[in-house]
Amino acid sequence: MLTLRDLASTIRSKNAGVDHITFDIIFKERVNFEKVRDAKVLSPAIVAELLRIPESRVTDFVVFEPANAIKFTIRRERPSGSPGERDVFGSQQYAPLFDVEVP
């Protein structure tokens, strides 16, 4: 079975302000984007489960057809750079998306 890592050209996370992290899954090939979109292997509930966070922290979830992309944003537990915060740039949060299986 294929995974997001096999189908997407870009899977990343990054800061979206002090209190949020945004995730981008971008596909070069329209057919790969449509395969993932139509399989419905990503949703706010699935993202929350993958990231081990409450679904209420997923603030936005967008299937952005013009860019062959799926984008979502989560609210941070703590503001970026505050004591105890583990990823100041939000750039190390995307790895759980790699192995999402796509039938």
C-alpha atoms as a PDB file:
ATOM      1  CA  MET A   1       0.000   0.000   0.000  1.00  0.00           C
ATOM      2  CA  LEU A   2       1.198   3.524  -0.774  1.00  0.00           C
ATOM      3  CA  THR A   3       1.761   6.156   1.906  1.00  0.00           C
ATOM      4  CA  LEU A   4       1.605   9.943   1.927  1.00  0.00           C
ATOM      5  CA  ARG A   5       5.411   9.913   1.783  1.00  0.00           C
ATOM      6  CA  ASP A   6       5.178   8.017  -1.521  1.00  0.00           C
ATOM      7  CA  LEU A   7       2.577  10.312  -3.091  1.00  0.00           C
ATOM      8  CA  ALA A   8       3.289  13.847  -1.843  1.00  0.00           C
ATOM      9  CA  SER A   9       6.151  16.000  -3.065  1.00  0.00           C
ATOM     10  CA  THR A  10       6.150  18.090   0.111  1.00  0.00           C
ATOM     11  CA  ILE A  11       5.077  17.310   3.664  1.00  0.00           C
ATOM     12  CA  ARG A  12       6.025  20.046   6.116  1.00  0.00           C
ATOM     13  CA  SER A  13       5.097  21.973   9.220  1.00  0.00           C
ATOM     14  CA  LYS A  14       6.015  25.525  10.192  1.00  0.00           C
ATOM     15  CA  ASN A  15       5.090  28.411  12.417  1.00  0.00           C
ATOM     16  CA  ALA A  16       1.812  30.153  11.748  1.00  0.00           C
ATOM     17  CA  GLY A  17       2.267  32.889  14.288  1.00  0.00           C
ATOM     18  CA  VAL A  18       3.210  32.525  17.927  1.00  0.00           C
ATOM     19  CA  ASP A  19       0.304  30.257  18.860  1.00  0.00           C
ATOM     20  CA  HIS A  20      -0.182  28.001  15.807  1.00  0.00           C
ATOM     21  CA  ILE A  21       1.615  25.503  13.586  1.00  0.00           C
ATOM     22  CA  THR A  22       0.521  24.957  10.007  1.00  0.00           C
ATOM     23  CA  PHE A  23       1.003  21.802   7.954  1.00  0.00           C
ATOM     24  CA  ASP A  24       1.212  21.505   4.170  1.00  0.00           C
ATOM     25  CA  ILE A  25       0.890  18.348   2.102  1.00  0.00           C
ATOM     26  CA  ILE A  26       1.531  19.246  -1.515  1.00  0.00           C
ATOM     27  CA  PHE A  27       1.371  17.008  -4.568  1.00  0.00           C
ATOM     28  CA  LYS A  28       3.146  17.577  -7.907  1.00  0.00           C
ATOM     29  CA  GLU A  29       0.858  15.155  -9.675  1.00  0.00           C
ATOM     30  CA  ARG A  30      -2.858  15.946  -9.722  1.00  0.00           C
ATOM     31  CA  VAL A  31      -3.644  12.220  -9.785  1.00  0.00           C
ATOM     32  CA  ASN A  32      -1.808  11.702  -6.467  1.00  0.00           C
ATOM     33  CA  PHE A  33      -3.646  14.621  -4.875  1.00  0.00           C
ATOM     34  CA  GLU A  34      -6.986  13.246  -6.028  1.00  0.00           C
ATOM     35  CA  LYS A  35      -6.109   9.756  -4.777  1.00  0.00           C
ATOM     36  CA  VAL A  36      -5.419  11.077  -1.263  1.00  0.00           C
ATOM     37  CA  ARG A  37      -8.366  13.484  -1.303  1.00  0.00           C
ATOM     38  CA  ASP A  38     -10.811  10.827  -2.454  1.00  0.00           C
ATOM     39  CA  ALA A  39      -9.511   8.196  -0.004  1.00  0.00           C
ATOM     40  CA  LYS A  40     -10.397  10.556   2.876  1.00  0.00           C
ATOM     41  CA  VAL A  41      -7.365   9.406   4.857  1.00  0.00           C
ATOM     42  CA  LEU A  42      -6.980  12.892   6.354  1.00  0.00           C
ATOM     43  CA  SER A  43      -9.541  14.842   8.354  1.00  0.00           C
ATOM     44  CA  PRO A  44      -9.428  16.940  11.522  1.00  0.00           C
ATOM     45  CA  ALA A  45     -10.173  13.831  13.595  1.00  0.00           C
ATOM     46  CA  ILE A  46      -7.493  11.735  11.886  1.00  0.00           C
ATOM     47  CA  VAL A  47      -4.922  14.533  12.135  1.00  0.00           C
ATOM     48  CA  ALA A  48      -5.649  14.915  15.854  1.00  0.00           C
ATOM     49  CA  GLU A  49      -5.201  11.187  16.366  1.00  0.00           C
ATOM     50  CA  LEU A  50      -1.927  11.130  14.416  1.00  0.00           C
ATOM     51  CA  LEU A  51      -0.528  14.091  16.335  1.00  0.00           C
ATOM     52  CA  ARG A  52      -1.931  12.809  19.655  1.00  0.00           C
ATOM     53  CA  ILE A  53      -3.768  16.020  20.378  1.00  0.00           C
ATOM     54  CA  PRO A  54      -7.423  16.835  21.104  1.00  0.00           C
ATOM     55  CA  GLU A  55      -9.385  17.512  17.920  1.00  0.00           C
ATOM     56  CA  SER A  56     -10.325  20.908  19.358  1.00  0.00           C
ATOM     57  CA  ARG A  57      -6.708  22.027  18.704  1.00  0.00           C
ATOM     58  CA  VAL A  58      -7.157  21.575  14.936  1.00  0.00           C
ATOM     59  CA  THR A  59      -8.275  25.080  14.007  1.00  0.00           C
ATOM     60  CA  ASP A  60      -8.341  24.853  10.195  1.00  0.00           C
ATOM     61  CA  PHE A  61      -8.450  22.033   7.645  1.00  0.00           C
ATOM     62  CA  VAL A  62      -8.489  22.883   3.939  1.00  0.00           C
ATOM     63  CA  VAL A  63      -8.374  20.787   0.795  1.00  0.00           C
ATOM     64  CA  PHE A  64      -6.932  23.422  -1.550  1.00  0.00           C
ATOM     65  CA  GLU A  65      -7.665  22.173  -5.056  1.00  0.00           C
ATOM     66  CA  PRO A  66      -5.871  24.938  -7.045  1.00  0.00           C
ATOM     67  CA  ALA A  67      -2.535  23.978  -5.446  1.00  0.00           C
ATOM     68  CA  ASN A  68      -3.050  20.193  -5.200  1.00  0.00           C
ATOM     69  CA  ALA A  69      -2.638  20.600  -1.464  1.00  0.00           C
ATOM     70  CA  ILE A  70      -4.125  19.688   1.871  1.00  0.00           C
ATOM     71  CA  LYS A  71      -3.418  22.194   4.607  1.00  0.00           C
ATOM     72  CA  PHE A  72      -4.292  22.294   8.279  1.00  0.00           C
ATOM     73  CA  THR A  73      -3.390  24.329  11.331  1.00  0.00           C
ATOM     74  CA  ILE A  74      -3.178  23.360  14.976  1.00  0.00           C
ATOM     75  CA  ARG A  75      -3.093  25.518  18.074  1.00  0.00           C
ATOM     76  CA  ARG A  76       0.148  25.100  20.046  1.00  0.00           C
ATOM     77  CA  GLU A  77       0.091  23.922  23.645  1.00  0.00           C
ATOM     78  CA  ARG A  78       2.348  26.851  24.537  1.00  0.00           C
ATOM     79  CA  PRO A  79       3.447  29.948  22.615  1.00  0.00           C
ATOM     80  CA  SER A  80       6.529  29.510  20.434  1.00  0.00           C
ATOM     81  CA  GLY A  81       9.708  30.019  22.450  1.00  0.00           C
ATOM     82  CA  SER A  82       8.055  29.867  25.851  1.00  0.00           C
ATOM     83  CA  PRO A  83       9.530  27.699  28.639  1.00  0.00           C
ATOM     84  CA  GLY A  84       8.839  24.020  28.013  1.00  0.00           C
ATOM     85  CA  GLU A  85       7.964  24.536  24.337  1.00  0.00           C
ATOM     86  CA  ARG A  86       9.822  21.903  22.284  1.00  0.00           C
ATOM     87  CA  ASP A  87       9.821  23.180  18.689  1.00  0.00           C
ATOM     88  CA  VAL A  88      10.279  26.937  18.366  1.00  0.00           C
ATOM     89  CA  PHE A  89       9.889  26.939  14.578  1.00  0.00           C
ATOM     90  CA  GLY A  90       7.157  24.296  14.408  1.00  0.00           C
ATOM     91  CA  SER A  91       9.245  22.542  11.769  1.00  0.00           C
ATOM     92  CA  GLN A  92       9.507  19.110  13.423  1.00  0.00           C
ATOM     93  CA  GLN A  93       5.837  18.172  13.760  1.00  0.00           C
ATOM     94  CA  TYR A  94       5.059  16.593  10.388  1.00  0.00           C
ATOM     95  CA  ALA A  95       6.692  13.134  10.700  1.00  0.00           C
ATOM     96  CA  PRO A  96       3.495  11.327  11.859  1.00  0.00           C
ATOM     97  CA  LEU A  97       1.990  12.097   8.437  1.00  0.00           C
ATOM     98  CA  PHE A  98       4.628  10.115   6.497  1.00  0.00           C
ATOM     99  CA  ASP A  99       3.175   6.663   7.042  1.00  0.00           C
ATOM    100  CA  VAL A 100      -0.517   7.422   6.513  1.00  0.00           C
ATOM    101  CA  GLU A 101      -1.621   4.604   4.206  1.00  0.00           C
ATOM    102  CA  VAL A 102      -3.576   5.477   1.075  1.00  0.00           C
ATOM    103  CA  PRO A 103      -5.622   2.654  -0.468  1.00  0.00           C
END
